[in-house]
PDB file of N, CA and C in Angstrom:
ATOM      1  N   MET A   1      52.837  49.077 -33.640  1.00  0.00           N
ATOM      2  CA  MET A   1      51.612  48.361 -33.014  1.00  0.00           C
ATOM      3  C   MET A   1      50.455  49.610 -32.433  1.00  0.00           C
ATOM      4  N   MET A   2      49.385  49.067 -32.959  1.00  0.00           N
ATOM      5  CA  MET A   2      48.044  49.905 -32.227  1.00  0.00           C
ATOM      6  C   MET A   2      48.035  49.338 -30.188  1.00  0.00           C
ATOM      7  N   ARG A   3      47.282  50.611 -29.972  1.00  0.00           N
ATOM      8  CA  ARG A   3      46.945  49.523 -28.410  1.00  0.00           C
ATOM      9  C   ARG A   3      45.728  49.362 -28.644  1.00  0.00           C
ATOM     10  N   VAL A   4      45.450  48.007 -27.618  1.00  0.00           N
ATOM     11  CA  VAL A   4      44.089  46.935 -27.845  1.00  0.00           C
ATOM     12  C   VAL A   4      43.305  47.180 -26.806  1.00  0.00           C
ATOM     13  N   GLU A   5      41.990  47.498 -26.366  1.00  0.00           N
ATOM     14  CA  GLU A   5      41.133  47.806 -25.424  1.00  0.00           C
ATOM     15  C   GLU A   5      40.651  46.578 -25.927  1.00  0.00           C
ATOM     16  N   PHE A   6      39.854  46.273 -24.611  1.00  0.00           N
ATOM     17  CA  PHE A   6      38.805  45.166 -23.947  1.00  0.00           C
ATOM     18  C   PHE A   6      37.796  45.977 -24.054  1.00  0.00           C
ATOM     19  N   SER A   7      36.583  46.232 -24.302  1.00  0.00           N
ATOM     20  CA  SER A   7      35.229  46.947 -23.814  1.00  0.00           C
ATOM     21  C   SER A   7      34.586  45.939 -22.907  1.00  0.00           C
ATOM     22  N   VAL A   8      33.844  46.458 -21.728  1.00  0.00           N
ATOM     23  CA  VAL A   8      33.406  45.737 -20.546  1.00  0.00           C
ATOM     24  C   VAL A   8      32.314  44.778 -21.461  1.00  0.00           C
ATOM     25  N   ARG A   9      31.687  44.828 -22.360  1.00  0.00           N
ATOM     26  CA  ARG A   9      30.765  43.754 -22.930  1.00  0.00           C
ATOM     27  C   ARG A   9      31.907  42.634 -23.163  1.00  0.00           C
ATOM     28  N   ALA A  10      33.058  42.983 -24.132  1.00  0.00           N
ATOM     29  CA  ALA A  10      33.760  41.911 -24.757  1.00  0.00           C
ATOM     30  C   ALA A  10      34.895  41.361 -23.311  1.00  0.00           C
ATOM     31  N   ARG A  11      34.528  41.782 -22.310  1.00  0.00           N
ATOM     32  CA  ARG A  11      35.385  40.990 -21.128  1.00  0.00           C
ATOM     33  C   ARG A  11      34.120  40.361 -20.630  1.00  0.00           C
ATOM     34  N   GLN A  12      32.811  40.432 -20.540  1.00  0.00           N
ATOM     35  CA  GLN A  12      31.574  40.043 -20.238  1.00  0.00           C
ATOM     36  C   GLN A  12      31.321  38.315 -20.959  1.00  0.00           C
ATOM     37  N   ASP A  13      31.776  39.012 -22.608  1.00  0.00           N
ATOM     38  CA  ASP A  13      31.240  37.811 -23.174  1.00  0.00           C
ATOM     39  C   ASP A  13      32.962  36.486 -23.008  1.00  0.00           C
ATOM     40  N   LEU A  14      33.878  37.086 -22.444  1.00  0.00           N
ATOM     41  CA  LEU A  14      35.256  36.337 -22.490  1.00  0.00           C
ATOM     42  C   LEU A  14      34.715  36.036 -21.146  1.00  0.00           C
ATOM     43  N   ALA A  15      34.022  35.745 -20.265  1.00  0.00           N
ATOM     44  CA  ALA A  15      33.696  35.609 -19.156  1.00  0.00           C
ATOM     45  C   ALA A  15      32.741  34.216 -19.131  1.00  0.00           C
ATOM     46  N   GLU A  16      31.543  34.720 -19.867  1.00  0.00           N
ATOM     47  CA  GLU A  16      30.802  33.684 -20.311  1.00  0.00           C
ATOM     48  C   GLU A  16      31.004  32.656 -21.375  1.00  0.00           C
ATOM     49  N   ILE A  17      31.948  32.908 -21.884  1.00  0.00           N
ATOM     50  CA  ILE A  17      32.741  31.834 -22.699  1.00  0.00           C
ATOM     51  C   ILE A  17      33.117  30.416 -22.082  1.00  0.00           C
ATOM     52  N   ALA A  18      33.818  31.656 -21.169  1.00  0.00           N
ATOM     53  CA  ALA A  18      34.658  30.663 -19.989  1.00  0.00           C
ATOM     54  C   ALA A  18      34.088  29.955 -18.874  1.00  0.00           C
ATOM     55  N   ASP A  19      32.958  30.639 -18.778  1.00  0.00           N
ATOM     56  CA  ASP A  19      31.970  29.997 -17.989  1.00  0.00           C
ATOM     57  C   ASP A  19      31.141  28.733 -18.274  1.00  0.00           C
ATOM     58  N   TYR A  20      30.565  28.523 -19.879  1.00  0.00           N
ATOM     59  CA  TYR A  20      30.519  27.849 -20.540  1.00  0.00           C
ATOM     60  C   TYR A  20      30.715  26.325 -21.116  1.00  0.00           C
ATOM     61  N   ILE A  21      32.322  27.078 -20.978  1.00  0.00           N
ATOM     62  CA  ILE A  21      33.450  25.610 -21.786  1.00  0.00           C
ATOM     63  C   ILE A  21      33.525  25.407 -20.048  1.00  0.00           C
ATOM     64  N   ALA A  22      33.454  25.655 -18.976  1.00  0.00           N
ATOM     65  CA  ALA A  22      34.188  24.816 -18.033  1.00  0.00           C
ATOM     66  C   ALA A  22      33.166  24.162 -17.439  1.00  0.00           C
ATOM     67  N   GLU A  23      31.947  24.182 -18.017  1.00  0.00           N
ATOM     68  CA  GLU A  23      30.696  22.881 -17.370  1.00  0.00           C
ATOM     69  C   GLU A  23      31.170  21.530 -17.719  1.00  0.00           C
ATOM     70  N   THR A  24      32.081  21.875 -18.944  1.00  0.00           N
ATOM     71  CA  THR A  24      32.499  20.336 -19.455  1.00  0.00           C
ATOM     72  C   THR A  24      33.871  20.113 -19.137  1.00  0.00           C
ATOM     73  N   ASN A  25      34.876  21.408 -19.396  1.00  0.00           N
ATOM     74  CA  ASN A  25      36.335  21.013 -19.477  1.00  0.00           C
ATOM     75  C   ASN A  25      36.820  22.397 -18.774  1.00  0.00           C
ATOM     76  N   PRO A  26      37.025  22.463 -17.471  1.00  0.00           N
ATOM     77  CA  PRO A  26      37.475  23.704 -16.987  1.00  0.00           C
ATOM     78  C   PRO A  26      39.302  24.196 -17.060  1.00  0.00           C
ATOM     79  N   ALA A  27      39.637  23.053 -17.338  1.00  0.00           N
ATOM     80  CA  ALA A  27      40.972  23.649 -17.787  1.00  0.00           C
ATOM     81  C   ALA A  27      41.181  24.257 -19.561  1.00  0.00           C
ATOM     82  N   ARG A  28      40.168  23.970 -20.304  1.00  0.00           N
ATOM     83  CA  ARG A  28      40.382  24.511 -21.513  1.00  0.00           C
ATOM     84  C   ARG A  28      39.674  25.543 -21.492  1.00  0.00           C
ATOM     85  N   ALA A  29      38.511  25.545 -20.406  1.00  0.00           N
ATOM     86  CA  ALA A  29      37.809  27.119 -20.934  1.00  0.00           C
ATOM     87  C   ALA A  29      38.960  28.206 -20.283  1.00  0.00           C
ATOM     88  N   HIS A  30      39.683  28.270 -19.517  1.00  0.00           N
ATOM     89  CA  HIS A  30      41.416  29.021 -19.394  1.00  0.00           C
ATOM     90  C   HIS A  30      41.663  29.101 -20.517  1.00  0.00           C
ATOM     91  N   SER A  31      42.366  28.190 -21.050  1.00  0.00           N
ATOM     92  CA  SER A  31      43.575  28.175 -22.129  1.00  0.00           C
ATOM     93  C   SER A  31      42.619  28.489 -23.273  1.00  0.00           C
ATOM     94  N   PHE A  32      41.447  28.363 -23.617  1.00  0.00           N
ATOM     95  CA  PHE A  32      40.606  29.288 -25.070  1.00  0.00           C
ATOM     96  C   PHE A  32      40.245  30.327 -24.745  1.00  0.00           C
ATOM     97  N   VAL A  33      39.749  31.149 -23.222  1.00  0.00           N
ATOM     98  CA  VAL A  33      39.600  32.272 -23.339  1.00  0.00           C
ATOM     99  C   VAL A  33      41.465  33.095 -23.224  1.00  0.00           C
ATOM    100  N   ASP A  34      42.465  32.389 -23.123  1.00  0.00           N
ATOM    101  CA  ASP A  34      43.805  33.390 -23.212  1.00  0.00           C
ATOM    102  C   ASP A  34      43.835  33.032 -24.529  1.00  0.00           C
ATOM    103  N   GLU A  35      43.703  32.247 -25.254  1.00  0.00           N
ATOM    104  CA  GLU A  35      43.751  32.669 -26.720  1.00  0.00           C
ATOM    105  C   GLU A  35      43.188  33.382 -27.662  1.00  0.00           C
ATOM    106  N   LEU A  36      41.807  33.287 -27.004  1.00  0.00           N
ATOM    107  CA  LEU A  36      40.803  34.824 -27.637  1.00  0.00           C
ATOM    108  C   LEU A  36      41.396  36.082 -27.171  1.00  0.00           C
ATOM    109  N   VAL A  37      41.676  36.184 -26.373  1.00  0.00           N
ATOM    110  CA  VAL A  37      42.502  37.279 -25.379  1.00  0.00           C
ATOM    111  C   VAL A  37      44.010  37.848 -26.622  1.00  0.00           C
ATOM    112  N   ALA A  38      44.366  36.884 -26.692  1.00  0.00           N
ATOM    113  CA  ALA A  38      45.896  36.972 -27.326  1.00  0.00           C
ATOM    114  C   ALA A  38      45.171  37.143 -29.144  1.00  0.00           C
ATOM    115  N   ALA A  39      44.073  36.530 -29.466  1.00  0.00           N
ATOM    116  CA  ALA A  39      43.800  36.747 -31.121  1.00  0.00           C
ATOM    117  C   ALA A  39      43.361  38.112 -30.981  1.00  0.00           C
ATOM    118  N   GLY A  40      42.333  38.741 -29.499  1.00  0.00           N
ATOM    119  CA  GLY A  40      42.246  39.452 -29.990  1.00  0.00           C
ATOM    120  C   GLY A  40      43.483  41.503 -29.688  1.00  0.00           C
ATOM    121  N   GLU A  41      44.183  41.020 -28.569  1.00  0.00           N
ATOM    122  CA  GLU A  41      45.721  41.928 -28.798  1.00  0.00           C
ATOM    123  C   GLU A  41      46.454  41.920 -30.338  1.00  0.00           C
ATOM    124  N   ALA A  42      46.237  40.732 -30.997  1.00  0.00           N
ATOM    125  CA  ALA A  42      47.067  40.544 -32.344  1.00  0.00           C
ATOM    126  C   ALA A  42      46.607  41.636 -33.118  1.00  0.00           C
ATOM    127  N   ARG A  43      44.859  41.891 -32.750  1.00  0.00           N
ATOM    128  CA  ARG A  43      44.489  43.004 -33.733  1.00  0.00           C
ATOM    129  C   ARG A  43      44.963  43.972 -33.748  1.00  0.00           C
ATOM    130  N   GLY A  44      46.059  44.416 -32.887  1.00  0.00           N
ATOM    131  CA  GLY A  44      46.871  45.780 -32.894  1.00  0.00           C
ATOM    132  C   GLY A  44      48.169  46.020 -33.624  1.00  0.00           C
ATOM    133  N   SER A  45      48.312  45.191 -34.305  1.00  0.00           N
ATOM    134  CA  SER A  45      50.014  44.605 -35.076  1.00  0.00           C
ATOM    135  C   SER A  45      49.153  45.125 -36.570  1.00  0.00           C
ATOM    136  N   PHE A  46      47.942  44.120 -37.262  1.00  0.00           N
ATOM    137  CA  PHE A  46      47.159  44.658 -38.337  1.00  0.00           C
ATOM    138  C   PHE A  46      46.093  45.227 -38.504  1.00  0.00           C
ATOM    139  N   PRO A  47      45.696  46.541 -37.656  1.00  0.00           N
ATOM    140  CA  PRO A  47      43.970  46.404 -37.731  1.00  0.00           C
ATOM    141  C   PRO A  47      43.349  46.413 -38.737  1.00  0.00           C
ATOM    142  N   HIS A  48      43.730  46.970 -39.772  1.00  0.00           N
ATOM    143  CA  HIS A  48      42.282  46.645 -41.002  1.00  0.00           C
ATOM    144  C   HIS A  48      42.524  45.801 -41.848  1.00  0.00           C
ATOM    145  N   SER A  49      43.642  44.861 -41.192  1.00  0.00           N
ATOM    146  CA  SER A  49      43.583  43.428 -42.375  1.00  0.00           C
ATOM    147  C   SER A  49      42.771  42.767 -42.506  1.00  0.00           C
ATOM    148  N   ASP A  50      41.358  42.877 -41.156  1.00  0.00           N
ATOM    149  CA  ASP A  50      40.927  41.854 -41.084  1.00  0.00           C
ATOM    150  C   ASP A  50      39.435  42.156 -42.384  1.00  0.00           C
ATOM    151  N   ARG A  51      37.842  41.404 -41.991  1.00  0.00           N
ATOM    152  CA  ARG A  51      37.531  41.801 -42.579  1.00  0.00           C
ATOM    153  C   ARG A  51      36.243  42.693 -42.045  1.00  0.00           C
ATOM    154  N   ARG A  52      35.862  43.721 -42.817  1.00  0.00           N
ATOM    155  CA  ARG A  52      35.042  45.074 -42.993  1.00  0.00           C
ATOM    156  C   ARG A  52      33.710  44.448 -42.893  1.00  0.00           C
ATOM    157  N   ARG A  53      32.958  44.867 -41.853  1.00  0.00           N
ATOM    158  CA  ARG A  53      31.237  44.198 -41.891  1.00  0.00           C
ATOM    159  C   ARG A  53      30.681  45.700 -42.271  1.00  0.00           C
ATOM    160  N   ARG A  54      30.061  45.382 -43.553  1.00  0.00           N
ATOM    161  CA  ARG A  54      29.242  46.466 -44.153  1.00  0.00           C
ATOM    162  C   ARG A  54      27.720  45.814 -43.253  1.00  0.00           C
ATOM    163  N   ASP A  55      27.611  44.962 -42.946  1.00  0.00           N
ATOM    164  CA  ASP A  55      25.783  44.575 -42.568  1.00  0.00           C
ATOM    165  C   ASP A  55      25.834  44.780 -41.413  1.00  0.00           C
ATOM    166  N   VAL A  56      26.771  45.735 -40.798  1.00  0.00           N
ATOM    167  CA  VAL A  56      26.345  46.042 -39.192  1.00  0.00           C
ATOM    168  C   VAL A  56      27.042  47.381 -39.313  1.00  0.00           C
ATOM    169  N   PRO A  57      26.371  48.567 -38.667  1.00  0.00           N
ATOM    170  CA  PRO A  57      26.860  49.805 -38.081  1.00  0.00           C
ATOM    171  C   PRO A  57      27.376  50.137 -37.462  1.00  0.00           C
ATOM    172  N   GLY A  58      28.690  51.062 -37.446  1.00  0.00           N
ATOM    173  CA  GLY A  58      29.518  50.968 -36.739  1.00  0.00           C
ATOM    174  C   GLY A  58      31.255  50.757 -37.102  1.00  0.00           C
ATOM    175  N   ASN A  59      30.837  50.782 -38.226  1.00  0.00           N
ATOM    176  CA  ASN A  59      32.433  50.753 -39.373  1.00  0.00           C
ATOM    177  C   ASN A  59      33.405  49.541 -38.325  1.00  0.00           C
ATOM    178  N   LEU A  60      32.802  48.535 -38.027  1.00  0.00           N
ATOM    179  CA  LEU A  60      33.615  47.174 -37.945  1.00  0.00           C
ATOM    180  C   LEU A  60      34.099  46.147 -38.431  1.00  0.00           C
ATOM    181  N   PHE A  61      35.225  45.487 -37.837  1.00  0.00           N
ATOM    182  CA  PHE A  61      36.080  44.715 -38.509  1.00  0.00           C
ATOM    183  C   PHE A  61      35.597  43.408 -37.233  1.00  0.00           C
ATOM    184  N   THR A  62      35.470  41.640 -38.127  1.00  0.00           N
ATOM    185  CA  THR A  62      35.474  40.729 -37.649  1.00  0.00           C
ATOM    186  C   THR A  62      36.546  39.811 -38.145  1.00  0.00           C
ATOM    187  N   PHE A  63      36.905  38.951 -36.976  1.00  0.00           N
ATOM    188  CA  PHE A  63      38.282  38.133 -37.011  1.00  0.00           C
ATOM    189  C   PHE A  63      37.632  36.900 -36.467  1.00  0.00           C
ATOM    190  N   PRO A  64      37.690  35.738 -37.328  1.00  0.00           N
ATOM    191  CA  PRO A  64      37.416  34.403 -36.793  1.00  0.00           C
ATOM    192  C   PRO A  64      37.965  33.599 -35.899  1.00  0.00           C
ATOM    193  N   TYR A  65      37.772  33.477 -34.838  1.00  0.00           N
ATOM    194  CA  TYR A  65      38.498  32.450 -33.909  1.00  0.00           C
ATOM    195  C   TYR A  65      37.801  31.329 -33.610  1.00  0.00           C
ATOM    196  N   GLY A  66      37.957  29.887 -34.343  1.00  0.00           N
ATOM    197  CA  GLY A  66      37.634  29.099 -33.733  1.00  0.00           C
ATOM    198  C   GLY A  66      36.141  29.153 -34.365  1.00  0.00           C
ATOM    199  N   ARG A  67      35.319  29.228 -33.243  1.00  0.00           N
ATOM    200  CA  ARG A  67      33.699  29.245 -33.644  1.00  0.00           C
ATOM    201  C   ARG A  67      33.233  30.772 -33.022  1.00  0.00           C
ATOM    202  N   TYR A  68      34.017  31.885 -32.808  1.00  0.00           N
ATOM    203  CA  TYR A  68      33.700  32.672 -32.680  1.00  0.00           C
ATOM    204  C   TYR A  68      34.270  34.210 -33.195  1.00  0.00           C
ATOM    205  N   LEU A  69      33.924  34.867 -33.287  1.00  0.00           N
ATOM    206  CA  LEU A  69      33.925  36.293 -34.158  1.00  0.00           C
ATOM    207  C   LEU A  69      34.447  37.471 -33.014  1.00  0.00           C
ATOM    208  N   ILE A  70      35.627  37.838 -33.552  1.00  0.00           N
ATOM    209  CA  ILE A  70      36.209  39.003 -32.417  1.00  0.00           C
ATOM    210  C   ILE A  70      35.877  40.231 -33.249  1.00  0.00           C
ATOM    211  N   VAL A  71      34.799  40.575 -32.811  1.00  0.00           N
ATOM    212  CA  VAL A  71      34.298  42.600 -33.093  1.00  0.00           C
ATOM    213  C   VAL A  71      34.705  43.596 -32.659  1.00  0.00           C
ATOM    214  N   TYR A  72      35.549  44.561 -34.148  1.00  0.00           N
ATOM    215  CA  TYR A  72      36.459  45.100 -33.067  1.00  0.00           C
ATOM    216  C   TYR A  72      36.367  46.742 -34.118  1.00  0.00           C
ATOM    217  N   ARG A  73      36.497  47.716 -33.605  1.00  0.00           N
ATOM    218  CA  ARG A  73      36.552  48.907 -34.336  1.00  0.00           C
ATOM    219  C   ARG A  73      38.166  49.440 -34.300  1.00  0.00           C
ATOM    220  N   VAL A  74      38.037  50.219 -34.932  1.00  0.00           N
ATOM    221  CA  VAL A  74      39.648  50.809 -35.160  1.00  0.00           C
ATOM    222  C   VAL A  74      39.580  52.438 -35.001  1.00  0.00           C
ATOM    223  N   GLU A  75      40.262  52.839 -34.122  1.00  0.00           N
ATOM    224  CA  GLU A  75      40.400  54.491 -33.066  1.00  0.00           C
ATOM    225  C   GLU A  75      41.497  54.627 -33.345  1.00  0.00           C
ATOM    226  N   PRO A  76      41.351  56.261 -33.696  1.00  0.00           N
ATOM    227  CA  PRO A  76      42.751  56.752 -33.736  1.00  0.00           C
ATOM    228  C   PRO A  76      43.872  56.898 -33.035  1.00  0.00           C
ATOM    229  N   GLU A  77      43.422  55.952 -31.950  1.00  0.00           N
ATOM    230  CA  GLU A  77      44.757  55.688 -30.482  1.00  0.00           C
ATOM    231  C   GLU A  77      44.550  54.424 -30.568  1.00  0.00           C
ATOM    232  N   GLN A  78      43.406  53.728 -30.693  1.00  0.00           N
ATOM    233  CA  GLN A  78      43.703  52.467 -30.027  1.00  0.00           C
ATOM    234  C   GLN A  78      42.566  51.299 -31.201  1.00  0.00           C
ATOM    235  N   VAL A  79      43.016  50.210 -30.728  1.00  0.00           N
ATOM    236  CA  VAL A  79      41.559  48.811 -31.651  1.00  0.00           C
ATOM    237  C   VAL A  79      41.359  48.552 -30.602  1.00  0.00           C
ATOM    238  N   LEU A  80      39.278  49.123 -30.299  1.00  0.00           N
ATOM    239  CA  LEU A  80      38.690  48.636 -29.430  1.00  0.00           C
ATOM    240  C   LEU A  80      37.762  47.731 -29.638  1.00  0.00           C
ATOM    241  N   ILE A  81      38.141  46.148 -28.910  1.00  0.00           N
ATOM    242  CA  ILE A  81      37.781  44.838 -29.106  1.00  0.00           C
ATOM    243  C   ILE A  81      35.999  45.385 -28.498  1.00  0.00           C
ATOM    244  N   ARG A  82      34.950  45.474 -29.314  1.00  0.00           N
ATOM    245  CA  ARG A  82      33.459  45.493 -28.783  1.00  0.00           C
ATOM    246  C   ARG A  82      32.730  44.163 -28.296  1.00  0.00           C
ATOM    247  N   ARG A  83      32.848  43.161 -29.083  1.00  0.00           N
ATOM    248  CA  ARG A  83      32.262  42.087 -28.774  1.00  0.00           C
ATOM    249  C   ARG A  83      33.303  40.997 -29.036  1.00  0.00           C
ATOM    250  N   ILE A  84      32.867  39.448 -28.715  1.00  0.00           N
ATOM    251  CA  ILE A  84      33.302  37.862 -28.934  1.00  0.00           C
ATOM    252  C   ILE A  84      32.253  37.714 -28.783  1.00  0.00           C
ATOM    253  N   ILE A  85      31.817  36.897 -30.267  1.00  0.00           N
ATOM    254  CA  ILE A  85      30.352  36.064 -30.063  1.00  0.00           C
ATOM    255  C   ILE A  85      30.567  35.117 -31.037  1.00  0.00           C
ATOM    256  N   HIS A  86      29.762  33.995 -30.535  1.00  0.00           N
ATOM    257  CA  HIS A  86      30.064  32.903 -31.262  1.00  0.00           C
ATOM    258  C   HIS A  86      28.987  33.075 -32.631  1.00  0.00           C
ATOM    259  N   GLY A  87      29.866  32.305 -33.504  1.00  0.00           N
ATOM    260  CA  GLY A  87      29.531  32.823 -34.967  1.00  0.00           C
ATOM    261  C   GLY A  87      28.373  32.469 -35.233  1.00  0.00           C
ATOM    262  N   ALA A  88      27.805  31.203 -34.862  1.00  0.00           N
ATOM    263  CA  ALA A  88      26.179  31.014 -35.123  1.00  0.00           C
ATOM    264  C   ALA A  88      25.313  31.995 -34.814  1.00  0.00           C
ATOM    265  N   ARG A  89      25.604  33.456 -33.784  1.00  0.00           N
ATOM    266  CA  ARG A  89      24.542  34.196 -33.411  1.00  0.00           C
ATOM    267  C   ARG A  89      24.486  34.973 -34.370  1.00  0.00           C
ATOM    268  N   ASP A  90      23.227  35.913 -34.231  1.00  0.00           N
ATOM    269  CA  ASP A  90      22.831  37.081 -34.706  1.00  0.00           C
ATOM    270  C   ASP A  90      23.428  38.318 -34.770  1.00  0.00           C
ATOM    271  N   LEU A  91      24.824  38.780 -35.619  1.00  0.00           N
ATOM    272  CA  LEU A  91      25.824  39.377 -35.334  1.00  0.00           C
ATOM    273  C   LEU A  91      24.827  41.372 -35.133  1.00  0.00           C
ATOM    274  N   ALA A  92      24.419  41.321 -36.349  1.00  0.00           N
ATOM    275  CA  ALA A  92      23.142  42.687 -35.716  1.00  0.00           C
ATOM    276  C   ALA A  92      22.316  42.755 -34.597  1.00  0.00           C
ATOM    277  N   ARG A  93      21.958  41.456 -34.419  1.00  0.00           N
ATOM    278  CA  ARG A  93      21.346  41.547 -33.462  1.00  0.00           C
ATOM    279  C   ARG A  93      21.808  42.085 -31.943  1.00  0.00           C
ATOM    280  N   ALA A  94      23.227  40.933 -31.985  1.00  0.00           N
ATOM    281  CA  ALA A  94      23.927  41.131 -30.961  1.00  0.00           C
ATOM    282  C   ALA A  94      24.315  42.120 -30.480  1.00  0.00           C
ATOM    283  N   LEU A  95      24.744  42.938 -31.665  1.00  0.00           N
ATOM    284  CA  LEU A  95      24.920  44.068 -31.421  1.00  0.00           C
ATOM    285  C   LEU A  95      24.344  45.398 -30.993  1.00  0.00           C
ATOM    286  N   ARG A  96      23.149  45.198 -31.664  1.00  0.00           N
ATOM    287  CA  ARG A  96      21.572  46.185 -31.467  1.00  0.00           C
ATOM    288  C   ARG A  96      21.859  45.922 -29.687  1.00  0.00           C
ATOM    289  N   ASP A  97      21.156  44.484 -29.406  1.00  0.00           N
ATOM    290  CA  ASP A  97      21.101  44.433 -27.986  1.00  0.00           C
ATOM    291  C   ASP A  97      22.256  44.986 -27.146  1.00  0.00           C
ATOM    292  N   GLU A  98      23.562  45.115 -27.390  1.00  0.00           N
ATOM    293  CA  GLU A  98      24.319  46.055 -26.719  1.00  0.00           C
ATOM    294  C   GLU A  98      24.716  47.450 -26.715  1.00  0.00           C
ATOM    295  N   ASP A  99      23.675  48.304 -27.969  1.00  0.00           N
ATOM    296  CA  ASP A  99      23.286  49.324 -27.862  1.00  0.00           C
ATOM    297  C   ASP A  99      22.407  49.560 -26.870  1.00  0.00           C
ATOM    298  N   ASP A 100      21.628  48.950 -27.047  1.00  0.00           N
ATOM    299  CA  ASP A 100      20.186  49.013 -25.863  1.00  0.00           C
ATOM    300  C   ASP A 100      21.024  48.784 -24.617  1.00  0.00           C
ATOM    301  N   ASP A 101      21.330  48.331 -24.552  1.00  0.00           N
ATOM    302  CA  ASP A 101      21.827  47.940 -22.592  1.00  0.00           C
ATOM    303  C   ASP A 101      23.136  48.991 -22.533  1.00  0.00           C
ATOM    304  N   GLY A 102      23.671  49.690 -23.563  1.00  0.00           N
ATOM    305  CA  GLY A 102      24.344  50.451 -23.186  1.00  0.00           C
ATOM    306  C   GLY A 102      25.949  49.779 -22.896  1.00  0.00           C
ATOM    307  N   GLY A 103      26.075  48.885 -23.513  1.00  0.00           N
ATOM    308  CA  GLY A 103      27.554  47.878 -22.953  1.00  0.00           C
ATOM    309  C   GLY A 103      28.718  48.129 -23.522  1.00  0.00           C
ATOM    310  N   GLY A 104      28.743  49.495 -24.009  1.00  0.00           N
ATOM    311  CA  GLY A 104      29.685  50.203 -24.800  1.00  0.00           C
ATOM    312  C   GLY A 104      31.227  49.675 -24.125  1.00  0.00           C
ATOM    313  N   ALA A 105      32.218  50.539 -24.174  1.00  0.00           N
ATOM    314  CA  ALA A 105      33.613  50.445 -23.628  1.00  0.00           C
ATOM    315  C   ALA A 105      33.296  51.251 -22.015  1.00  0.00           C
TER     316      ALA A 105
END
């Protein structure tokens, strides 16, 4: 099993998701974020089994969880969770905005 790391931006995504859900359901906010983290960590078991995204640069994979996409890259020593993005968002744009902000690992 590969080690799994969450980028700074992915951790920000989790906090934003929790804040959004907490507006209407604080208890669910915590449990849902825990589920997203567990789903991200599970990518270390079979990192190449998810969908490889050829529509965005960076040799990225995505795994859907609920209405969100866990976006990650398989590196030699680890799986790096880059973003956790709502599926309705423009993935390429969100990743481009991240790169413009310097929001990598």
